């Protein structure tokens, strides 16, 4: 499957893109970027040099993936969501040696206009609601909303809310009605069983 790059896009020499990527209008991918297969970059996306992107990642319009960000396979970045890479930026103070690494694990969804403060890890298949501000690590499968974000529930790999409390000291099992996947909640952690 061939990679498609729109004529208005800029892919700097040295950038590595896997097979089947789609690079749309006015995208800029920097030379050091390492990108897997079957990724989609919407209009006006920027990808920095020190960025690693897995397979099947979808980055919607107006997203900048700055240096020190890693997106694992199957991550979805909603329109106009924001990554940061410096915790306390100042125009007059150079802090390129102070970038804090951000990791978004497999299958996570970052909703439209959400903000991911640098130095955080977003867990596997977590779901960040539109407009949420993430300023701390997020567990696998967690549903996060608000400013600052708080956990209000759990999401399945399929992207459906699971009818579970946020935490339980005792094991609680639930089955996703769409996929048949079974999950277990115990001690504030949800896992696939």
N, C-alpha and C. Protein backbone atom coordinates (compact mmCIF):
# COMPACT_ATOMS: atom_id res chain seq x y z
N UNK A 1 0.84 -1.17 0.00
CA UNK A 1 0.00 0.00 0.00
C UNK A 1 0.89 1.24 0.00
N UNK A 2 0.71 2.09 -0.97
CA UNK A 2 1.56 3.27 -1.14
C UNK A 2 1.17 4.38 -0.17
N UNK A 3 2.16 5.17 0.22
CA UNK A 3 1.93 6.35 1.04
C UNK A 3 1.51 7.49 0.13
N UNK A 4 0.50 8.27 0.56
CA UNK A 4 -0.01 9.40 -0.21
C UNK A 4 0.37 10.69 0.51
N UNK A 5 1.03 11.59 -0.22
CA UNK A 5 1.43 12.88 0.35
C UNK A 5 0.88 13.98 -0.53
N UNK A 6 0.04 14.84 0.04
CA UNK A 6 -0.55 15.95 -0.72
C UNK A 6 0.55 16.92 -1.17
N UNK A 7 0.42 17.51 -2.36
CA UNK A 7 1.46 18.43 -2.85
C UNK A 7 1.76 19.62 -1.94
N UNK A 8 0.81 20.04 -1.12
CA UNK A 8 1.05 21.18 -0.22
C UNK A 8 1.78 20.77 1.06
N UNK A 9 1.91 19.48 1.32
CA UNK A 9 2.58 18.99 2.54
C UNK A 9 4.09 19.06 2.37
N UNK A 10 4.79 19.19 3.51
CA UNK A 10 6.25 19.18 3.53
C UNK A 10 6.69 18.00 4.40
N UNK A 11 7.40 17.07 3.78
CA UNK A 11 8.00 15.96 4.52
C UNK A 11 9.50 16.11 4.35
N UNK A 12 10.18 16.54 5.42
CA UNK A 12 11.61 16.82 5.35
C UNK A 12 12.41 15.56 5.04
N UNK A 13 13.51 15.74 4.31
CA UNK A 13 14.42 14.63 4.03
C UNK A 13 14.87 14.00 5.34
N UNK A 14 14.81 12.69 5.40
CA UNK A 14 15.21 11.96 6.60
C UNK A 14 14.03 11.43 7.40
N UNK A 15 12.85 12.04 7.24
CA UNK A 15 11.66 11.54 7.94
C UNK A 15 11.35 10.13 7.44
N UNK A 16 10.94 9.26 8.34
CA UNK A 16 10.60 7.89 7.96
C UNK A 16 9.12 7.65 8.16
N UNK A 17 8.43 7.31 7.07
CA UNK A 17 7.01 7.00 7.10
C UNK A 17 6.79 5.59 6.61
N UNK A 18 5.98 4.82 7.32
CA UNK A 18 5.67 3.46 6.91
C UNK A 18 4.72 3.43 5.74
N UNK A 19 4.48 2.24 5.23
CA UNK A 19 3.58 2.06 4.09
C UNK A 19 2.15 2.47 4.42
N UNK A 20 1.48 3.01 3.43
CA UNK A 20 0.06 3.30 3.55
C UNK A 20 -0.31 4.52 4.34
N UNK A 21 0.65 5.41 4.63
CA UNK A 21 0.32 6.64 5.35
C UNK A 21 -0.37 7.62 4.40
N UNK A 22 -1.21 8.48 4.99
CA UNK A 22 -1.89 9.54 4.25
C UNK A 22 -1.54 10.87 4.91
N UNK A 23 -0.90 11.74 4.13
CA UNK A 23 -0.43 13.03 4.62
C UNK A 23 -1.19 14.10 3.84
N UNK A 24 -2.08 14.82 4.52
CA UNK A 24 -3.00 15.73 3.84
C UNK A 24 -2.45 17.16 3.76
N UNK A 25 -3.32 18.10 3.41
CA UNK A 25 -2.97 19.49 3.11
C UNK A 25 -2.18 20.16 4.24
N UNK A 26 -1.11 20.84 3.87
CA UNK A 26 -0.35 21.73 4.75
C UNK A 26 0.25 21.05 5.99
N UNK A 27 0.52 19.76 5.88
CA UNK A 27 1.19 19.03 6.96
C UNK A 27 2.69 19.27 6.85
N UNK A 28 3.38 19.33 8.00
CA UNK A 28 4.84 19.41 8.02
C UNK A 28 5.35 18.30 8.93
N UNK A 29 6.13 17.39 8.36
CA UNK A 29 6.75 16.31 9.13
C UNK A 29 8.26 16.54 9.10
N UNK A 30 8.84 16.69 10.29
CA UNK A 30 10.26 17.02 10.43
C UNK A 30 11.16 15.82 10.13
N UNK A 31 12.42 16.11 9.86
CA UNK A 31 13.39 15.11 9.38
C UNK A 31 13.59 13.94 10.33
N UNK A 32 13.54 14.17 11.62
CA UNK A 32 13.83 13.11 12.58
C UNK A 32 12.65 12.25 12.96
N UNK A 33 11.46 12.57 12.48
CA UNK A 33 10.26 11.83 12.85
C UNK A 33 10.32 10.38 12.36
N UNK A 34 9.86 9.46 13.19
CA UNK A 34 9.80 8.04 12.85
C UNK A 34 8.35 7.60 12.99
N UNK A 35 7.75 7.23 11.86
CA UNK A 35 6.30 7.01 11.79
C UNK A 35 6.04 5.63 11.20
N UNK A 36 5.13 4.90 11.82
CA UNK A 36 4.77 3.56 11.38
C UNK A 36 3.87 3.55 10.15
N UNK A 37 3.25 2.41 9.91
CA UNK A 37 2.41 2.20 8.72
C UNK A 37 0.96 2.64 8.97
N UNK A 38 0.28 2.97 7.89
CA UNK A 38 -1.17 3.24 7.87
C UNK A 38 -1.59 4.38 8.80
N UNK A 39 -0.75 5.41 8.93
CA UNK A 39 -1.08 6.57 9.74
C UNK A 39 -1.73 7.64 8.88
N UNK A 40 -2.57 8.46 9.50
CA UNK A 40 -3.24 9.54 8.79
C UNK A 40 -2.96 10.86 9.50
N UNK A 41 -2.56 11.87 8.72
CA UNK A 41 -2.24 13.20 9.24
C UNK A 41 -3.16 14.21 8.59
N UNK A 42 -4.10 14.75 9.34
CA UNK A 42 -5.08 15.70 8.81
C UNK A 42 -4.45 17.04 8.47
N UNK A 43 -5.27 17.90 7.92
CA UNK A 43 -4.82 19.22 7.48
C UNK A 43 -4.15 19.99 8.62
N UNK A 44 -3.01 20.62 8.30
CA UNK A 44 -2.31 21.52 9.22
C UNK A 44 -1.71 20.81 10.44
N UNK A 45 -1.28 19.58 10.29
CA UNK A 45 -0.61 18.85 11.37
C UNK A 45 0.89 19.11 11.28
N UNK A 46 1.53 19.25 12.44
CA UNK A 46 2.98 19.37 12.52
C UNK A 46 3.51 18.20 13.36
N UNK A 47 4.61 17.56 12.89
CA UNK A 47 5.27 16.49 13.62
C UNK A 47 6.74 16.86 13.79
N UNK A 48 7.21 16.93 15.04
CA UNK A 48 8.57 17.34 15.34
C UNK A 48 9.61 16.26 15.05
N UNK A 49 10.88 16.60 15.30
CA UNK A 49 12.01 15.70 15.05
C UNK A 49 12.06 14.52 16.01
N UNK A 50 11.95 14.78 17.29
CA UNK A 50 12.08 13.74 18.31
C UNK A 50 10.69 13.19 18.64
N UNK A 51 10.05 12.62 17.61
CA UNK A 51 8.71 12.08 17.74
C UNK A 51 8.71 10.66 17.19
N UNK A 52 8.06 9.77 17.92
CA UNK A 52 7.89 8.39 17.48
C UNK A 52 6.40 8.10 17.43
N UNK A 53 5.95 7.60 16.29
CA UNK A 53 4.53 7.31 16.08
C UNK A 53 4.41 5.88 15.58
N UNK A 54 3.57 5.08 16.22
CA UNK A 54 3.38 3.69 15.85
C UNK A 54 2.52 3.52 14.61
N UNK A 55 1.97 2.33 14.43
CA UNK A 55 1.12 2.00 13.29
C UNK A 55 -0.32 2.42 13.55
N UNK A 56 -1.02 2.75 12.45
CA UNK A 56 -2.46 3.01 12.47
C UNK A 56 -2.85 4.15 13.41
N UNK A 57 -2.04 5.17 13.49
CA UNK A 57 -2.32 6.35 14.32
C UNK A 57 -3.06 7.37 13.46
N UNK A 58 -4.11 7.96 14.02
CA UNK A 58 -4.88 8.98 13.30
C UNK A 58 -4.74 10.31 14.03
N UNK A 59 -4.18 11.29 13.34
CA UNK A 59 -3.99 12.62 13.91
C UNK A 59 -4.85 13.58 13.09
N UNK A 60 -5.88 14.13 13.72
CA UNK A 60 -6.84 14.97 13.02
C UNK A 60 -6.28 16.39 12.82
N UNK A 61 -7.06 17.24 12.16
CA UNK A 61 -6.64 18.59 11.78
C UNK A 61 -6.12 19.41 12.96
N UNK A 62 -5.11 20.23 12.66
CA UNK A 62 -4.61 21.28 13.57
C UNK A 62 -3.97 20.74 14.85
N UNK A 63 -3.26 19.62 14.76
CA UNK A 63 -2.55 19.06 15.92
C UNK A 63 -1.05 19.19 15.68
N UNK A 64 -0.32 19.65 16.70
CA UNK A 64 1.14 19.69 16.66
C UNK A 64 1.68 18.65 17.62
N UNK A 65 2.44 17.70 17.08
CA UNK A 65 3.07 16.66 17.90
C UNK A 65 4.52 17.10 18.09
N UNK A 66 4.80 17.71 19.22
CA UNK A 66 6.11 18.31 19.46
C UNK A 66 7.14 17.27 19.89
N UNK A 67 8.42 17.69 19.89
CA UNK A 67 9.51 16.83 20.33
C UNK A 67 9.21 16.23 21.70
N UNK A 68 9.71 15.02 21.92
CA UNK A 68 9.61 14.27 23.17
C UNK A 68 8.25 13.60 23.36
N UNK A 69 7.48 13.48 22.28
CA UNK A 69 6.19 12.79 22.34
C UNK A 69 6.29 11.45 21.60
N UNK A 70 5.76 10.40 22.23
CA UNK A 70 5.66 9.08 21.61
C UNK A 70 4.21 8.65 21.60
N UNK A 71 3.73 8.25 20.42
CA UNK A 71 2.37 7.72 20.26
C UNK A 71 2.49 6.27 19.83
N UNK A 72 2.00 5.35 20.64
CA UNK A 72 2.04 3.94 20.27
C UNK A 72 0.97 3.63 19.22
N UNK A 73 0.86 2.37 18.83
CA UNK A 73 -0.09 1.94 17.80
C UNK A 73 -1.53 2.32 18.16
N UNK A 74 -2.31 2.63 17.12
CA UNK A 74 -3.76 2.81 17.21
C UNK A 74 -4.20 4.00 18.06
N UNK A 75 -3.35 4.99 18.26
CA UNK A 75 -3.74 6.19 19.01
C UNK A 75 -4.56 7.10 18.10
N UNK A 76 -5.57 7.74 18.68
CA UNK A 76 -6.40 8.72 17.97
C UNK A 76 -6.22 10.07 18.62
N UNK A 77 -5.79 11.08 17.84
CA UNK A 77 -5.65 12.46 18.32
C UNK A 77 -6.74 13.29 17.66
N UNK A 78 -7.70 13.75 18.44
CA UNK A 78 -8.83 14.52 17.92
C UNK A 78 -8.42 15.90 17.44
N UNK A 79 -9.31 16.55 16.69
CA UNK A 79 -9.02 17.86 16.12
C UNK A 79 -8.57 18.88 17.17
N UNK A 80 -7.51 19.58 16.86
CA UNK A 80 -7.01 20.71 17.65
C UNK A 80 -6.60 20.34 19.07
N UNK A 81 -6.36 19.04 19.36
CA UNK A 81 -5.84 18.71 20.69
C UNK A 81 -4.39 19.18 20.76
N UNK A 82 -3.85 19.30 21.98
CA UNK A 82 -2.57 19.96 22.18
C UNK A 82 -1.64 19.10 23.04
N UNK A 83 -0.38 18.99 22.57
CA UNK A 83 0.70 18.45 23.38
C UNK A 83 1.60 19.60 23.80
N UNK A 84 2.18 19.52 25.01
CA UNK A 84 3.23 20.46 25.39
C UNK A 84 4.50 19.65 25.58
N UNK A 85 5.65 20.33 25.62
CA UNK A 85 6.89 19.60 25.92
C UNK A 85 7.76 20.32 26.94
N UNK A 86 7.40 21.52 27.32
CA UNK A 86 8.10 22.25 28.39
C UNK A 86 7.05 22.60 29.45
N UNK A 87 7.37 22.33 30.71
CA UNK A 87 6.39 22.51 31.78
C UNK A 87 6.16 23.98 32.12
N UNK A 88 7.21 24.78 32.07
CA UNK A 88 7.10 26.19 32.47
C UNK A 88 7.75 27.09 31.42
N UNK A 89 7.17 27.19 30.22
CA UNK A 89 7.80 27.94 29.14
C UNK A 89 7.83 29.45 29.38
N UNK A 90 8.90 30.06 28.91
CA UNK A 90 9.04 31.52 28.86
C UNK A 90 9.70 31.86 27.54
N UNK A 91 9.25 32.88 26.90
CA UNK A 91 9.83 33.29 25.63
C UNK A 91 11.29 33.67 25.78
N UNK A 92 11.64 34.32 26.88
CA UNK A 92 13.00 34.81 27.07
C UNK A 92 13.95 33.78 27.68
N UNK A 93 13.45 32.58 28.02
CA UNK A 93 14.28 31.56 28.65
C UNK A 93 14.28 30.32 27.76
N UNK A 94 15.47 29.92 27.31
CA UNK A 94 15.58 28.72 26.48
C UNK A 94 15.52 27.49 27.36
N UNK A 95 14.60 26.57 27.04
CA UNK A 95 14.43 25.38 27.86
C UNK A 95 14.39 24.10 27.02
N UNK A 96 15.06 24.11 25.86
CA UNK A 96 15.05 22.92 25.01
C UNK A 96 15.71 21.72 25.67
N UNK A 97 16.54 21.94 26.67
CA UNK A 97 17.16 20.83 27.38
C UNK A 97 16.30 20.36 28.56
N UNK A 98 15.10 20.92 28.69
CA UNK A 98 14.20 20.57 29.79
C UNK A 98 12.91 19.91 29.30
N UNK A 99 12.89 19.44 28.04
CA UNK A 99 11.69 18.77 27.54
C UNK A 99 11.34 17.60 28.45
N UNK A 100 10.06 17.45 28.74
CA UNK A 100 9.56 16.31 29.51
C UNK A 100 8.87 15.36 28.55
N UNK A 101 9.23 14.08 28.60
CA UNK A 101 8.70 13.09 27.67
C UNK A 101 7.25 12.76 27.98
N UNK A 102 6.48 12.61 26.93
CA UNK A 102 5.07 12.23 27.02
C UNK A 102 4.89 10.92 26.26
N UNK A 103 4.18 9.98 26.87
CA UNK A 103 3.90 8.69 26.24
C UNK A 103 2.41 8.46 26.20
N UNK A 104 1.89 8.19 24.99
CA UNK A 104 0.49 7.83 24.82
C UNK A 104 0.48 6.37 24.37
N UNK A 105 -0.06 5.51 25.22
CA UNK A 105 0.02 4.07 24.97
C UNK A 105 -1.05 3.60 23.99
N UNK A 106 -0.89 2.37 23.56
CA UNK A 106 -1.69 1.76 22.50
C UNK A 106 -3.19 1.97 22.68
N UNK A 107 -3.84 2.40 21.61
CA UNK A 107 -5.29 2.47 21.55
C UNK A 107 -5.94 3.63 22.27
N UNK A 108 -5.17 4.54 22.85
CA UNK A 108 -5.75 5.67 23.58
C UNK A 108 -6.41 6.65 22.61
N UNK A 109 -7.45 7.33 23.09
CA UNK A 109 -8.13 8.39 22.36
C UNK A 109 -7.95 9.70 23.11
N UNK A 110 -7.49 10.72 22.38
CA UNK A 110 -7.32 12.06 22.93
C UNK A 110 -8.35 12.96 22.25
N UNK A 111 -9.39 13.35 22.96
CA UNK A 111 -10.52 14.05 22.37
C UNK A 111 -10.17 15.43 21.84
N UNK A 112 -11.06 15.95 21.01
CA UNK A 112 -10.89 17.27 20.40
C UNK A 112 -10.62 18.32 21.47
N UNK A 113 -9.65 19.19 21.20
CA UNK A 113 -9.30 20.31 22.08
C UNK A 113 -8.80 19.90 23.46
N UNK A 114 -8.46 18.64 23.67
CA UNK A 114 -7.86 18.26 24.94
C UNK A 114 -6.41 18.74 24.96
N UNK A 115 -5.86 18.86 26.16
CA UNK A 115 -4.47 19.28 26.34
C UNK A 115 -3.76 18.23 27.19
N UNK A 116 -2.61 17.77 26.69
CA UNK A 116 -1.80 16.80 27.41
C UNK A 116 -0.54 17.51 27.89
N UNK A 117 -0.46 17.78 29.19
CA UNK A 117 0.69 18.46 29.77
C UNK A 117 1.87 17.49 29.75
N UNK A 118 3.02 18.00 29.36
CA UNK A 118 4.20 17.15 29.18
C UNK A 118 4.59 16.41 30.45
N UNK A 119 5.26 15.27 30.24
CA UNK A 119 5.72 14.46 31.35
C UNK A 119 4.72 13.43 31.82
N UNK A 120 3.58 13.31 31.13
CA UNK A 120 2.56 12.37 31.54
C UNK A 120 2.56 11.13 30.65
N UNK A 121 1.96 10.07 31.18
CA UNK A 121 1.74 8.84 30.42
C UNK A 121 0.24 8.58 30.39
N UNK A 122 -0.29 8.38 29.20
CA UNK A 122 -1.70 8.05 29.00
C UNK A 122 -1.77 6.54 28.79
N UNK A 123 -2.53 5.85 29.61
CA UNK A 123 -2.59 4.40 29.59
C UNK A 123 -3.25 3.81 28.34
N UNK A 124 -3.07 2.51 28.16
CA UNK A 124 -3.63 1.78 27.02
C UNK A 124 -5.15 1.93 27.00
N UNK A 125 -5.68 2.28 25.84
CA UNK A 125 -7.13 2.37 25.59
C UNK A 125 -7.83 3.37 26.50
N UNK A 126 -7.07 4.28 27.12
CA UNK A 126 -7.71 5.35 27.89
C UNK A 126 -8.47 6.26 26.94
N UNK A 127 -9.43 6.99 27.47
CA UNK A 127 -10.26 7.87 26.66
C UNK A 127 -10.28 9.24 27.33
N UNK A 128 -9.69 10.23 26.67
CA UNK A 128 -9.62 11.59 27.19
C UNK A 128 -10.72 12.40 26.51
N UNK A 129 -11.67 12.89 27.28
CA UNK A 129 -12.81 13.62 26.73
C UNK A 129 -12.41 14.94 26.09
N UNK A 130 -13.28 15.43 25.23
CA UNK A 130 -13.05 16.70 24.54
C UNK A 130 -12.83 17.81 25.56
N UNK A 131 -11.78 18.61 25.34
CA UNK A 131 -11.49 19.76 26.18
C UNK A 131 -10.83 19.46 27.51
N UNK A 132 -10.59 18.20 27.84
CA UNK A 132 -9.98 17.85 29.12
C UNK A 132 -8.51 18.29 29.15
N UNK A 133 -8.02 18.57 30.35
CA UNK A 133 -6.61 18.91 30.55
C UNK A 133 -5.98 17.83 31.43
N UNK A 134 -5.02 17.09 30.84
CA UNK A 134 -4.36 16.00 31.55
C UNK A 134 -3.05 16.53 32.13
N UNK A 135 -2.93 16.51 33.46
CA UNK A 135 -1.71 16.99 34.12
C UNK A 135 -1.11 15.93 35.04
N UNK A 136 -1.57 14.69 34.91
CA UNK A 136 -0.99 13.56 35.67
C UNK A 136 -1.22 12.29 34.86
N UNK A 137 -0.54 11.21 35.24
CA UNK A 137 -0.66 9.95 34.52
C UNK A 137 -2.10 9.44 34.55
N UNK A 138 -2.46 8.72 33.48
CA UNK A 138 -3.82 8.20 33.32
C UNK A 138 -3.74 6.68 33.24
N UNK A 139 -4.55 5.96 34.03
CA UNK A 139 -4.52 4.49 33.98
C UNK A 139 -5.06 3.93 32.67
N UNK A 140 -4.71 2.68 32.37
CA UNK A 140 -5.29 1.96 31.24
C UNK A 140 -6.82 2.00 31.35
N UNK A 141 -7.50 2.20 30.22
CA UNK A 141 -8.96 2.14 30.07
C UNK A 141 -9.71 3.25 30.80
N UNK A 142 -9.02 4.22 31.40
CA UNK A 142 -9.70 5.26 32.18
C UNK A 142 -10.43 6.24 31.27
N UNK A 143 -11.59 6.71 31.71
CA UNK A 143 -12.35 7.77 31.06
C UNK A 143 -12.12 9.04 31.86
N UNK A 144 -11.51 10.05 31.21
CA UNK A 144 -11.10 11.28 31.89
C UNK A 144 -11.81 12.48 31.28
N UNK A 145 -12.33 13.38 32.12
CA UNK A 145 -12.99 14.60 31.64
C UNK A 145 -12.65 15.75 32.58
N UNK A 146 -12.80 16.98 32.07
CA UNK A 146 -12.71 18.17 32.91
C UNK A 146 -11.36 18.85 32.91
N UNK A 147 -11.33 19.97 33.67
CA UNK A 147 -10.15 20.81 33.79
C UNK A 147 -9.93 21.12 35.27
N UNK A 148 -8.88 20.60 35.90
CA UNK A 148 -8.04 19.52 35.39
C UNK A 148 -8.86 18.24 35.31
N UNK A 149 -8.40 17.31 34.49
CA UNK A 149 -9.17 16.09 34.25
C UNK A 149 -9.26 15.23 35.50
N UNK A 150 -10.41 14.59 35.64
CA UNK A 150 -10.64 13.61 36.69
C UNK A 150 -11.26 12.37 36.06
N UNK A 151 -11.04 11.25 36.67
CA UNK A 151 -11.59 10.01 36.12
C UNK A 151 -13.04 9.85 36.55
N UNK A 152 -13.91 9.58 35.55
CA UNK A 152 -15.33 9.38 35.85
C UNK A 152 -15.81 7.97 35.50
N UNK A 153 -14.91 7.14 34.96
CA UNK A 153 -15.33 5.79 34.61
C UNK A 153 -14.26 5.06 33.83
N UNK A 154 -14.72 4.03 33.09
CA UNK A 154 -13.83 3.15 32.34
C UNK A 154 -14.38 2.95 30.94
N UNK A 155 -13.48 2.74 29.99
CA UNK A 155 -13.85 2.51 28.59
C UNK A 155 -13.31 1.17 28.12
N UNK A 156 -14.05 0.51 27.24
CA UNK A 156 -13.58 -0.74 26.65
C UNK A 156 -12.63 -0.45 25.49
N UNK A 157 -11.95 -1.49 25.00
CA UNK A 157 -11.12 -1.32 23.80
C UNK A 157 -11.97 -0.89 22.62
N UNK A 158 -13.22 -1.26 22.60
CA UNK A 158 -14.15 -0.93 21.52
C UNK A 158 -14.56 0.55 21.56
N UNK A 159 -14.34 1.22 22.70
CA UNK A 159 -14.70 2.62 22.84
C UNK A 159 -16.07 2.84 23.43
N UNK A 160 -16.53 1.88 24.21
CA UNK A 160 -17.82 1.98 24.90
C UNK A 160 -17.58 2.13 26.39
N UNK A 161 -18.39 2.97 27.03
CA UNK A 161 -18.28 3.12 28.48
C UNK A 161 -18.75 1.84 29.16
N UNK A 162 -17.97 1.38 30.14
CA UNK A 162 -18.31 0.19 30.90
C UNK A 162 -19.00 0.59 32.19
N UNK A 163 -20.04 -0.13 32.57
CA UNK A 163 -20.83 0.17 33.77
C UNK A 163 -20.10 -0.36 35.00
N UNK A 164 -19.07 0.38 35.41
CA UNK A 164 -18.25 0.02 36.56
C UNK A 164 -17.99 1.26 37.41
N UNK A 165 -17.82 1.10 38.72
CA UNK A 165 -17.38 2.24 39.53
C UNK A 165 -15.94 2.60 39.19
N UNK A 166 -15.50 3.78 39.58
CA UNK A 166 -14.13 4.19 39.31
C UNK A 166 -13.14 3.30 40.06
N UNK A 167 -13.49 2.87 41.28
CA UNK A 167 -12.58 2.00 42.02
C UNK A 167 -13.37 0.98 42.82
N UNK A 168 -12.69 -0.12 43.12
CA UNK A 168 -13.29 -1.17 43.95
C UNK A 168 -12.16 -2.00 44.56
N UNK A 169 -12.21 -2.24 45.87
CA UNK A 169 -11.19 -3.10 46.48
C UNK A 169 -11.41 -4.58 46.14
N UNK A 170 -12.64 -4.94 45.80
CA UNK A 170 -12.98 -6.31 45.45
C UNK A 170 -13.05 -6.47 43.93
N UNK A 171 -12.67 -7.61 43.40
CA UNK A 171 -12.75 -7.81 41.95
C UNK A 171 -14.19 -7.72 41.44
N UNK A 172 -14.37 -6.96 40.37
CA UNK A 172 -15.65 -6.89 39.66
C UNK A 172 -15.34 -7.20 38.21
N UNK A 173 -16.08 -8.13 37.62
CA UNK A 173 -15.90 -8.50 36.22
C UNK A 173 -17.05 -7.97 35.39
N UNK A 174 -16.75 -7.62 34.14
CA UNK A 174 -17.77 -7.16 33.20
C UNK A 174 -17.36 -7.60 31.80
N UNK A 175 -18.36 -7.82 30.96
CA UNK A 175 -18.13 -8.22 29.58
C UNK A 175 -18.60 -7.11 28.65
N UNK A 176 -17.78 -6.74 27.67
CA UNK A 176 -18.17 -5.74 26.67
C UNK A 176 -19.25 -6.37 25.78
N UNK A 177 -20.43 -5.74 25.67
CA UNK A 177 -21.50 -6.32 24.86
C UNK A 177 -21.20 -6.33 23.35
N UNK A 178 -20.26 -5.50 22.91
CA UNK A 178 -19.94 -5.42 21.48
C UNK A 178 -18.91 -6.44 21.03
N UNK A 179 -17.95 -6.75 21.90
CA UNK A 179 -16.84 -7.62 21.48
C UNK A 179 -16.76 -8.93 22.25
N UNK A 180 -17.40 -8.97 23.41
CA UNK A 180 -17.27 -10.14 24.27
C UNK A 180 -16.00 -10.11 25.13
N UNK A 181 -15.18 -9.05 24.99
CA UNK A 181 -13.99 -8.92 25.83
C UNK A 181 -14.41 -8.87 27.30
N UNK A 182 -13.63 -9.54 28.15
CA UNK A 182 -13.91 -9.54 29.58
C UNK A 182 -12.88 -8.69 30.31
N UNK A 183 -13.37 -7.90 31.25
CA UNK A 183 -12.54 -6.99 32.03
C UNK A 183 -12.71 -7.27 33.51
N UNK A 184 -11.65 -6.96 34.28
CA UNK A 184 -11.71 -7.10 35.73
C UNK A 184 -11.20 -5.81 36.37
N UNK A 185 -12.01 -5.25 37.28
CA UNK A 185 -11.64 -4.07 38.06
C UNK A 185 -11.30 -4.50 39.47
N UNK A 186 -10.11 -4.13 39.93
CA UNK A 186 -9.72 -4.37 41.31
C UNK A 186 -8.63 -3.36 41.69
N UNK A 187 -8.78 -2.77 42.87
CA UNK A 187 -7.79 -1.81 43.39
C UNK A 187 -7.46 -0.70 42.40
N UNK A 188 -8.48 -0.06 41.86
CA UNK A 188 -8.33 1.12 40.98
C UNK A 188 -7.66 0.81 39.66
N UNK A 189 -7.61 -0.46 39.24
CA UNK A 189 -7.02 -0.83 37.97
C UNK A 189 -7.99 -1.73 37.21
N UNK A 190 -8.16 -1.43 35.91
CA UNK A 190 -8.98 -2.26 35.04
C UNK A 190 -8.06 -3.00 34.11
N UNK A 191 -8.30 -4.30 33.95
CA UNK A 191 -7.46 -5.08 33.05
C UNK A 191 -8.33 -6.00 32.20
N UNK A 192 -7.81 -6.32 31.04
CA UNK A 192 -8.45 -7.27 30.13
C UNK A 192 -8.11 -8.66 30.60
N UNK A 193 -9.12 -9.54 30.73
CA UNK A 193 -8.86 -10.92 31.18
C UNK A 193 -9.20 -11.92 30.10
